[in-house]
Amino acid sequence: MGDEPIDENAMIYPVTRQPRRQESKVARVGYARSSSVRGGLIVLAVIAGFALGLIVLTIGPKLVSAWQESRWLRRAGTNLKQENFSAANEAARKALEINRDSLSACEILAETTEKQNRAETVGWRAQIARLRPRDSASQLNLASAALRFGQLDVARKALESVPKENRESTSYHVVAGWLARAQGDEASQERHFAAALEKEPHNETYQYNL
């Protein structure tokens, strides 16, 4: 019996299940990683959406307001060039309703009211001077408008607001001379117009006011 040949086809080999368990474990790990990546992407998408919404809510209204202000200013400028002062005034006021510190709107309103010879121009020149406190031209324009409509206190304060380093200009001396004349201060009037004439010796207006 010990010498009988062995039938290899009849032999039963044990089935090894370990590789399948390893494959299942690898699959679970891969799935977990994939789920983690998807979860991270979802979180990033939510954060990005929130940030975008916040930007739109914050910047969006400002962009719309800026566009509306620009549109009204263009309309006001066009009407001003056409000397349609009432329409220019109305459009500039619309721009101010959007941006109460609109320098361009104040400048248009100052010019339109000045051309219409309205005392309201002093108020608009004051607004411009407020928005540009260190600008000498704005202060001198305010002083000139105030003198034109007899508002001497406003003119005096505007001249006092001109930086000291800019008080030797011809424009400053001329406006200061007009203020001195309005106040009956002949000595100051002569001094300022003499200084202006020194810078522009052929100006007959300055000679006349000496």
Protein backbone atom coordinates (compact mmCIF):
# COMPACT_ATOMS: atom_id res chain seq x y z
CA MET A 1 0.00 0.00 0.00
CA GLY A 2 2.81 2.38 0.68
CA ASP A 3 4.01 2.01 -2.88
CA GLU A 4 0.75 3.06 -4.61
CA PRO A 5 1.20 6.05 -6.94
CA ILE A 6 -0.28 9.38 -5.82
CA ASP A 7 -2.92 10.93 -8.07
CA GLU A 8 -2.01 14.59 -8.22
CA ASN A 9 -5.46 15.51 -9.59
CA ALA A 10 -7.07 14.03 -6.52
CA MET A 11 -4.97 16.08 -4.13
CA ILE A 12 -6.73 18.96 -2.36
CA TYR A 13 -4.63 22.03 -1.69
CA PRO A 14 -5.64 24.45 1.06
CA VAL A 15 -7.06 27.81 -0.10
CA THR A 16 -5.15 30.82 1.21
CA ARG A 17 -7.53 33.71 2.02
CA GLN A 18 -4.94 36.20 3.37
CA PRO A 19 -4.44 38.11 0.06
CA ARG A 20 -8.18 38.84 -0.16
CA ARG A 21 -8.19 40.28 3.33
CA GLN A 22 -5.24 42.47 2.40
CA GLU A 23 -6.99 43.62 -0.77
CA SER A 24 -10.10 44.46 1.23
CA LYS A 25 -8.04 46.43 3.73
CA VAL A 26 -6.30 48.37 0.94
CA ALA A 27 -9.67 49.12 -0.65
CA ARG A 28 -11.03 50.43 2.63
CA VAL A 29 -7.98 52.66 3.09
CA GLY A 30 -8.30 53.96 -0.46
CA TYR A 31 -11.99 54.68 0.03
CA ALA A 32 -11.28 56.49 3.29
CA ARG A 33 -8.65 58.64 1.60
CA SER A 34 -10.98 59.40 -1.30
CA SER A 35 -13.76 60.37 1.11
CA SER A 36 -11.35 62.58 3.03
CA VAL A 37 -10.28 64.34 -0.17
CA ARG A 38 -13.89 64.85 -1.25
CA GLY A 39 -14.75 66.18 2.19
CA GLY A 40 -11.83 68.60 2.06
CA LEU A 41 -12.88 69.82 -1.37
CA ILE A 42 -16.43 70.37 -0.16
CA VAL A 43 -15.18 72.39 2.81
CA LEU A 44 -12.95 74.48 0.53
CA ALA A 45 -15.85 75.04 -1.85
CA VAL A 46 -18.07 76.21 1.02
CA ILE A 47 -15.36 78.57 2.31
CA ALA A 48 -14.73 79.94 -1.20
CA GLY A 49 -18.45 80.46 -1.74
CA PHE A 50 -18.79 82.26 1.57
CA ALA A 51 -15.78 84.48 0.81
CA LEU A 52 -17.12 85.30 -2.66
CA GLY A 53 -20.53 86.14 -1.24
CA LEU A 54 -18.94 88.39 1.37
CA ILE A 55 -16.92 90.19 -1.31
CA VAL A 56 -20.01 90.70 -3.45
CA LEU A 57 -22.01 92.02 -0.49
CA THR A 58 -19.19 94.35 0.55
CA ILE A 59 -17.87 95.64 -2.77
CA GLY A 60 -20.94 95.22 -4.96
CA PRO A 61 -22.96 98.15 -3.58
CA LYS A 62 -19.89 100.41 -3.72
CA LEU A 63 -19.31 99.57 -7.37
CA VAL A 64 -22.94 100.25 -8.20
CA SER A 65 -22.87 103.57 -6.33
CA ALA A 66 -19.64 104.62 -8.05
CA TRP A 67 -21.15 103.80 -11.45
CA GLN A 68 -24.32 105.77 -10.69
CA GLU A 69 -22.32 108.76 -9.42
CA SER A 70 -20.15 108.72 -12.54
CA ARG A 71 -23.23 108.59 -14.77
CA TRP A 72 -24.79 111.64 -13.10
CA LEU A 73 -21.50 113.54 -13.23
CA ARG A 74 -21.14 112.89 -16.97
CA ARG A 75 -24.66 114.16 -17.50
CA ALA A 76 -23.97 117.24 -15.38
CA GLY A 77 -20.74 117.96 -17.26
CA THR A 78 -22.46 117.66 -20.62
CA ASN A 79 -25.23 120.04 -19.57
CA LEU A 80 -22.69 122.50 -18.18
CA LYS A 81 -20.83 122.59 -21.51
CA GLN A 82 -24.14 123.23 -23.25
CA GLU A 83 -24.83 126.02 -20.72
CA ASN A 84 -27.94 124.22 -19.54
CA PHE A 85 -27.23 125.23 -15.97
CA SER A 86 -30.48 124.04 -14.42
CA ALA A 87 -30.05 120.52 -15.79
CA ALA A 88 -26.38 120.50 -14.80
CA ASN A 89 -27.32 121.61 -11.30
CA GLU A 90 -29.94 118.90 -10.96
CA ALA A 91 -27.64 116.12 -12.21
CA ALA A 92 -24.81 117.22 -9.91
CA ARG A 93 -27.19 117.15 -6.95
CA LYS A 94 -28.15 113.58 -7.87
CA ALA A 95 -24.46 112.67 -7.73
CA LEU A 96 -24.23 114.28 -4.28
CA GLU A 97 -27.14 112.18 -3.06
CA ILE A 98 -24.98 109.14 -3.80
CA ASN A 99 -21.72 110.60 -2.51
CA ARG A 100 -22.04 113.67 -0.33
CA ASP A 101 -18.27 114.28 -0.60
CA SER A 102 -18.17 114.22 -4.39
CA LEU A 103 -15.61 116.89 -5.26
CA SER A 104 -16.59 116.91 -8.94
CA ALA A 105 -20.26 117.47 -8.09
CA CYS A 106 -19.38 120.39 -5.80
CA GLU A 107 -17.20 121.95 -8.50
CA ILE A 108 -20.00 121.72 -11.06
CA LEU A 109 -22.50 123.20 -8.61
CA ALA A 110 -20.11 126.03 -7.74
CA GLU A 111 -19.61 126.84 -11.41
CA THR A 112 -23.29 126.67 -12.38
CA THR A 113 -24.44 128.84 -9.47
CA GLU A 114 -21.60 131.29 -10.12
CA LYS A 115 -22.63 131.65 -13.76
CA GLN A 116 -26.19 132.23 -12.58
CA ASN A 117 -24.90 134.89 -10.17
CA ARG A 118 -26.35 133.10 -7.16
CA ALA A 119 -24.98 133.55 -3.64
CA GLU A 120 -25.28 129.79 -3.22
CA THR A 121 -21.93 129.53 -4.98
CA VAL A 122 -20.23 130.58 -1.73
CA GLY A 123 -21.54 127.47 0.00
CA TRP A 124 -20.29 125.21 -2.78
CA ARG A 125 -16.88 126.91 -2.79
CA ALA A 126 -16.79 126.31 0.96
CA GLN A 127 -17.50 122.62 0.40
CA ILE A 128 -14.65 122.40 -2.10
CA ALA A 129 -12.30 124.15 0.33
CA ARG A 130 -13.36 121.69 3.03
CA LEU A 131 -12.56 118.74 0.78
CA ARG A 132 -9.22 120.30 -0.23
CA PRO A 133 -8.06 122.13 2.91
CA ARG A 134 -4.43 122.50 1.83
CA ASP A 135 -5.21 123.68 -1.69
CA SER A 136 -4.54 127.42 -1.98
CA ALA A 137 -6.58 127.86 -5.16
CA SER A 138 -9.69 126.42 -3.48
CA GLN A 139 -9.32 128.80 -0.53
CA LEU A 140 -8.78 131.79 -2.83
CA ASN A 141 -11.80 130.85 -4.95
CA LEU A 142 -13.88 130.72 -1.78
CA ALA A 143 -12.58 134.12 -0.67
CA SER A 144 -13.31 135.64 -4.09
CA ALA A 145 -16.86 134.24 -4.16
CA ALA A 146 -17.48 135.46 -0.62
CA LEU A 147 -16.25 138.97 -1.51
CA ARG A 148 -18.47 139.00 -4.56
CA PHE A 149 -21.53 138.48 -2.38
CA GLY A 150 -20.39 140.64 0.52
CA GLN A 151 -19.55 137.82 2.94
CA LEU A 152 -16.41 139.41 4.36
CA ASP A 153 -16.03 137.09 7.35
CA VAL A 154 -16.03 134.05 5.08
CA ALA A 155 -13.48 135.71 2.80
CA ARG A 156 -11.23 136.57 5.74
CA LYS A 157 -11.29 133.03 7.13
CA ALA A 158 -10.57 131.59 3.69
CA LEU A 159 -7.50 133.81 3.29
CA GLU A 160 -6.33 132.81 6.75
CA SER A 161 -6.56 129.17 5.65
CA VAL A 162 -4.10 129.69 2.80
CA PRO A 163 -0.78 128.07 3.81
CA LYS A 164 1.82 130.67 4.75
CA GLU A 165 4.24 129.42 2.12
CA ASN A 166 1.68 130.31 -0.57
CA ARG A 167 0.88 133.83 0.60
CA GLU A 168 3.40 135.48 -1.70
CA SER A 169 1.60 134.51 -4.88
CA THR A 170 0.02 137.12 -7.12
CA SER A 171 -3.43 135.60 -6.65
CA TYR A 172 -3.19 135.80 -2.89
CA HIS A 173 -2.16 139.47 -2.91
CA VAL A 174 -4.96 140.37 -5.33
CA VAL A 175 -7.70 138.71 -3.26
CA ALA A 176 -6.22 140.08 -0.03
CA GLY A 177 -6.16 143.53 -1.66
CA TRP A 178 -9.84 143.25 -2.58
CA LEU A 179 -10.69 142.23 0.98
CA ALA A 180 -8.71 145.18 2.36
CA ARG A 181 -10.56 147.50 -0.01
CA ALA A 182 -13.94 146.08 1.09
CA GLN A 183 -12.96 146.67 4.71
CA GLY A 184 -11.74 150.22 4.02
CA ASP A 185 -8.15 149.34 4.88
CA GLU A 186 -6.33 151.50 2.32
CA ALA A 187 -2.85 150.77 3.65
CA SER A 188 -3.29 147.00 3.30
CA GLN A 189 -4.95 147.48 -0.07
CA GLU A 190 -1.97 149.43 -1.43
CA ARG A 191 0.52 146.99 0.08
CA HIS A 192 -1.10 143.92 -1.48
CA PHE A 193 -1.64 145.45 -4.91
CA ALA A 194 1.91 146.81 -4.91
CA ALA A 195 3.16 143.27 -4.25
CA ALA A 196 0.96 141.94 -7.06
CA LEU A 197 2.16 144.69 -9.42
CA GLU A 198 5.76 143.84 -8.61
CA LYS A 199 5.14 140.34 -9.95
CA GLU A 200 3.11 141.57 -12.94
CA PRO A 201 4.30 145.15 -13.63
CA HIS A 202 2.18 145.62 -16.78
CA ASN A 203 -1.16 144.71 -15.21
CA GLU A 204 -3.33 147.83 -15.39
CA THR A 205 -5.90 146.47 -12.93
CA TYR A 206 -3.30 146.25 -10.19
CA GLN A 207 -2.06 149.76 -11.02
CA TYR A 208 -5.62 151.09 -10.81
CA ASN A 209 -6.15 149.61 -7.34
CA LEU A 210 -3.00 151.18 -5.87
